[in-house]
Structures are given as C-alpha cells and as structure tokens.
Amino acid sequence: MKKLFGNNIVPACTYCEHSKTEGERQYCSLNKTLRNSKCKKFKYNPIMRTPHTMAPLRKYDQESFKI
C-alpha cells in the first residue's frame, strides 16, 4: 500500500506523532533521542507536516498569447 507522501519518508521530529511543541521548543513525548538522525519510535503524522511554498508564477504579457 502506498503511503500519502510515498514509502520513503525520512524521519524528522517535526512531523513525528510523538513530537510536542511548546513555543519554539520541540521535544519528544517519549523522551527519545535521535541516533544517526534516526529514531526507532518514529511514527509519521501527515497532519504535522508543513507543505513547501510554491514557486511564484511567471508573469505573462499580451505578446505571449499571440499566434
């Protein structure tokens, strides 16, 4: 079964189900630490993921649409 953002999601605390945020401080509710940028208790939560901003659209003028 294919997951929402693919099967190869790189673990990151910012979108882990166990991540908690207080102000600007972020911590793990399970008191786990990352080893080699990995956590064994990582559980992906797509709701916590912030989407990347889209690139601005190109500006067009009337000349662009002439045949």
N, C-alpha and C. Protein backbone atom coordinates (compact mmCIF):
# COMPACT_ATOMS: atom_id res chain seq x y z
N MET A 1 0.84 -1.18 0.00
CA MET A 1 0.00 0.00 0.00
C MET A 1 0.89 1.25 0.00
N LYS A 2 0.62 2.18 -0.88
CA LYS A 2 1.40 3.40 -0.98
C LYS A 2 0.92 4.40 0.06
N LYS A 3 1.87 4.96 0.81
CA LYS A 3 1.53 5.95 1.83
C LYS A 3 1.29 7.31 1.19
N LEU A 4 0.79 8.26 1.98
CA LEU A 4 0.38 9.57 1.49
C LEU A 4 1.49 10.31 0.75
N PHE A 5 2.70 10.35 1.29
CA PHE A 5 3.81 11.05 0.65
C PHE A 5 4.87 10.08 0.16
N GLY A 6 4.51 8.84 -0.12
CA GLY A 6 5.44 7.83 -0.60
C GLY A 6 5.89 6.93 0.54
N ASN A 7 6.62 5.89 0.19
CA ASN A 7 7.07 4.92 1.18
C ASN A 7 8.43 5.26 1.78
N ASN A 8 9.13 6.22 1.24
CA ASN A 8 10.48 6.56 1.70
C ASN A 8 10.48 7.91 2.40
N ILE A 9 9.84 8.01 3.55
CA ILE A 9 9.79 9.25 4.31
C ILE A 9 10.97 9.30 5.26
N VAL A 10 11.76 10.34 5.16
CA VAL A 10 12.92 10.50 6.03
C VAL A 10 12.42 10.91 7.42
N PRO A 11 12.77 10.15 8.46
CA PRO A 11 12.31 10.51 9.80
C PRO A 11 12.79 11.89 10.23
N ALA A 12 11.87 12.70 10.73
CA ALA A 12 12.18 14.02 11.26
C ALA A 12 11.22 14.31 12.39
N CYS A 13 11.72 14.87 13.45
CA CYS A 13 10.89 15.15 14.62
C CYS A 13 9.75 16.13 14.32
N THR A 14 9.92 16.97 13.32
CA THR A 14 8.91 17.99 13.05
C THR A 14 7.58 17.39 12.62
N TYR A 15 7.57 16.19 12.01
CA TYR A 15 6.31 15.57 11.64
C TYR A 15 6.17 14.15 12.19
N CYS A 16 6.67 13.95 13.40
CA CYS A 16 6.51 12.69 14.12
C CYS A 16 5.29 12.80 15.05
N GLU A 17 4.55 11.73 15.17
CA GLU A 17 3.36 11.73 16.01
C GLU A 17 3.69 11.96 17.49
N HIS A 18 4.90 11.62 17.91
CA HIS A 18 5.30 11.76 19.30
C HIS A 18 5.93 13.12 19.61
N SER A 19 6.04 13.98 18.63
CA SER A 19 6.66 15.29 18.80
C SER A 19 5.68 16.26 19.46
N LYS A 20 6.18 17.01 20.40
CA LYS A 20 5.38 18.04 21.08
C LYS A 20 6.10 19.37 20.95
N THR A 21 5.33 20.45 20.82
CA THR A 21 5.91 21.78 20.66
C THR A 21 5.36 22.70 21.73
N GLU A 22 6.26 23.39 22.42
CA GLU A 22 5.90 24.43 23.38
C GLU A 22 6.62 25.70 22.97
N GLY A 23 5.87 26.65 22.45
CA GLY A 23 6.51 27.88 21.95
C GLY A 23 7.37 27.53 20.76
N GLU A 24 8.67 27.80 20.86
CA GLU A 24 9.60 27.46 19.78
C GLU A 24 10.39 26.20 20.10
N ARG A 25 10.18 25.62 21.27
CA ARG A 25 10.90 24.42 21.70
C ARG A 25 10.13 23.17 21.29
N GLN A 26 10.84 22.20 20.75
CA GLN A 26 10.23 20.96 20.32
C GLN A 26 10.91 19.80 21.04
N TYR A 27 10.12 18.85 21.51
CA TYR A 27 10.69 17.70 22.21
C TYR A 27 9.86 16.45 21.93
N CYS A 28 10.40 15.31 22.30
CA CYS A 28 9.75 14.01 22.09
C CYS A 28 8.96 13.65 23.35
N SER A 29 7.69 13.28 23.18
CA SER A 29 6.86 12.91 24.33
C SER A 29 7.30 11.57 24.93
N LEU A 30 8.10 10.79 24.20
CA LEU A 30 8.60 9.52 24.70
C LEU A 30 10.00 9.64 25.29
N ASN A 31 10.53 10.87 25.33
CA ASN A 31 11.88 11.15 25.83
C ASN A 31 12.96 10.38 25.06
N LYS A 32 12.78 10.25 23.76
CA LYS A 32 13.76 9.57 22.91
C LYS A 32 14.72 10.59 22.32
N THR A 33 15.91 10.14 21.99
CA THR A 33 16.88 10.99 21.31
C THR A 33 17.22 10.36 19.96
N LEU A 34 17.61 11.20 19.03
CA LEU A 34 17.98 10.71 17.70
C LEU A 34 19.39 10.15 17.72
N ARG A 35 19.56 9.03 17.06
CA ARG A 35 20.89 8.45 16.87
C ARG A 35 21.09 8.28 15.38
N ASN A 36 22.13 8.90 14.86
CA ASN A 36 22.41 8.88 13.42
C ASN A 36 21.22 9.40 12.63
N SER A 37 20.57 10.43 13.14
CA SER A 37 19.40 11.07 12.53
C SER A 37 18.21 10.13 12.39
N LYS A 38 18.13 9.10 13.24
CA LYS A 38 17.02 8.16 13.19
C LYS A 38 16.47 7.92 14.59
N CYS A 39 15.19 7.63 14.66
CA CYS A 39 14.54 7.30 15.92
C CYS A 39 13.73 6.03 15.70
N LYS A 40 13.87 5.05 16.56
CA LYS A 40 13.15 3.79 16.39
C LYS A 40 11.65 3.94 16.62
N LYS A 41 11.25 4.95 17.34
CA LYS A 41 9.83 5.16 17.64
C LYS A 41 9.15 6.15 16.70
N PHE A 42 9.83 6.53 15.60
CA PHE A 42 9.26 7.49 14.66
C PHE A 42 7.96 6.95 14.09
N LYS A 43 6.92 7.77 14.14
CA LYS A 43 5.63 7.42 13.55
C LYS A 43 5.14 8.64 12.78
N TYR A 44 5.04 8.49 11.48
CA TYR A 44 4.70 9.60 10.59
C TYR A 44 3.28 10.10 10.84
N ASN A 45 3.14 11.42 10.94
CA ASN A 45 1.84 12.06 11.09
C ASN A 45 1.74 13.14 10.00
N PRO A 46 0.99 12.90 8.90
CA PRO A 46 0.95 13.85 7.80
C PRO A 46 0.33 15.18 8.17
N ILE A 47 -0.47 15.24 9.21
CA ILE A 47 -1.10 16.50 9.62
C ILE A 47 -0.07 17.48 10.17
N MET A 48 1.01 16.98 10.76
CA MET A 48 2.03 17.84 11.34
C MET A 48 3.01 18.38 10.29
N ARG A 49 2.96 17.85 9.10
CA ARG A 49 3.89 18.27 8.05
C ARG A 49 3.44 19.60 7.46
N THR A 50 4.36 20.53 7.31
CA THR A 50 4.04 21.82 6.69
C THR A 50 4.48 21.75 5.23
N PRO A 51 3.59 22.05 4.30
CA PRO A 51 3.94 21.97 2.88
C PRO A 51 4.93 23.05 2.48
N HIS A 52 5.73 22.74 1.48
CA HIS A 52 6.67 23.71 0.93
C HIS A 52 5.88 24.77 0.18
N THR A 53 6.38 25.98 0.18
CA THR A 53 5.70 27.04 -0.56
C THR A 53 5.93 26.83 -2.05
N MET A 54 4.92 27.19 -2.82
CA MET A 54 5.02 27.04 -4.27
C MET A 54 5.88 28.16 -4.85
N ALA A 55 6.52 27.85 -5.95
CA ALA A 55 7.30 28.86 -6.66
C ALA A 55 6.34 29.90 -7.23
N PRO A 56 6.76 31.16 -7.28
CA PRO A 56 5.87 32.18 -7.84
C PRO A 56 5.61 31.92 -9.33
N LEU A 57 4.41 32.26 -9.75
CA LEU A 57 4.05 32.08 -11.15
C LEU A 57 4.76 33.09 -12.04
N ARG A 58 5.05 32.67 -13.25
CA ARG A 58 5.69 33.56 -14.21
C ARG A 58 4.72 34.64 -14.62
N LYS A 59 5.23 35.82 -14.89
CA LYS A 59 4.41 36.93 -15.39
C LYS A 59 4.31 36.83 -16.91
N TYR A 60 3.12 36.97 -17.43
CA TYR A 60 2.89 36.91 -18.86
C TYR A 60 2.39 38.28 -19.33
N ASP A 61 2.62 38.54 -20.61
CA ASP A 61 2.07 39.76 -21.21
C ASP A 61 1.28 39.36 -22.46
N GLN A 62 0.69 40.32 -23.13
CA GLN A 62 -0.14 40.05 -24.30
C GLN A 62 0.66 39.36 -25.42
N GLU A 63 1.94 39.68 -25.55
CA GLU A 63 2.78 39.09 -26.60
C GLU A 63 2.91 37.58 -26.44
N SER A 64 2.82 37.09 -25.26
CA SER A 64 2.97 35.66 -25.00
C SER A 64 1.82 34.86 -25.60
N PHE A 65 0.67 35.47 -25.81
CA PHE A 65 -0.51 34.76 -26.27
C PHE A 65 -0.85 35.00 -27.74
N LYS A 66 -0.01 35.71 -28.45
CA LYS A 66 -0.24 35.94 -29.87
C LYS A 66 0.25 34.75 -30.69
N ILE A 67 -0.49 34.46 -31.76
CA ILE A 67 -0.11 33.35 -32.64
C ILE A 67 0.63 33.89 -33.83
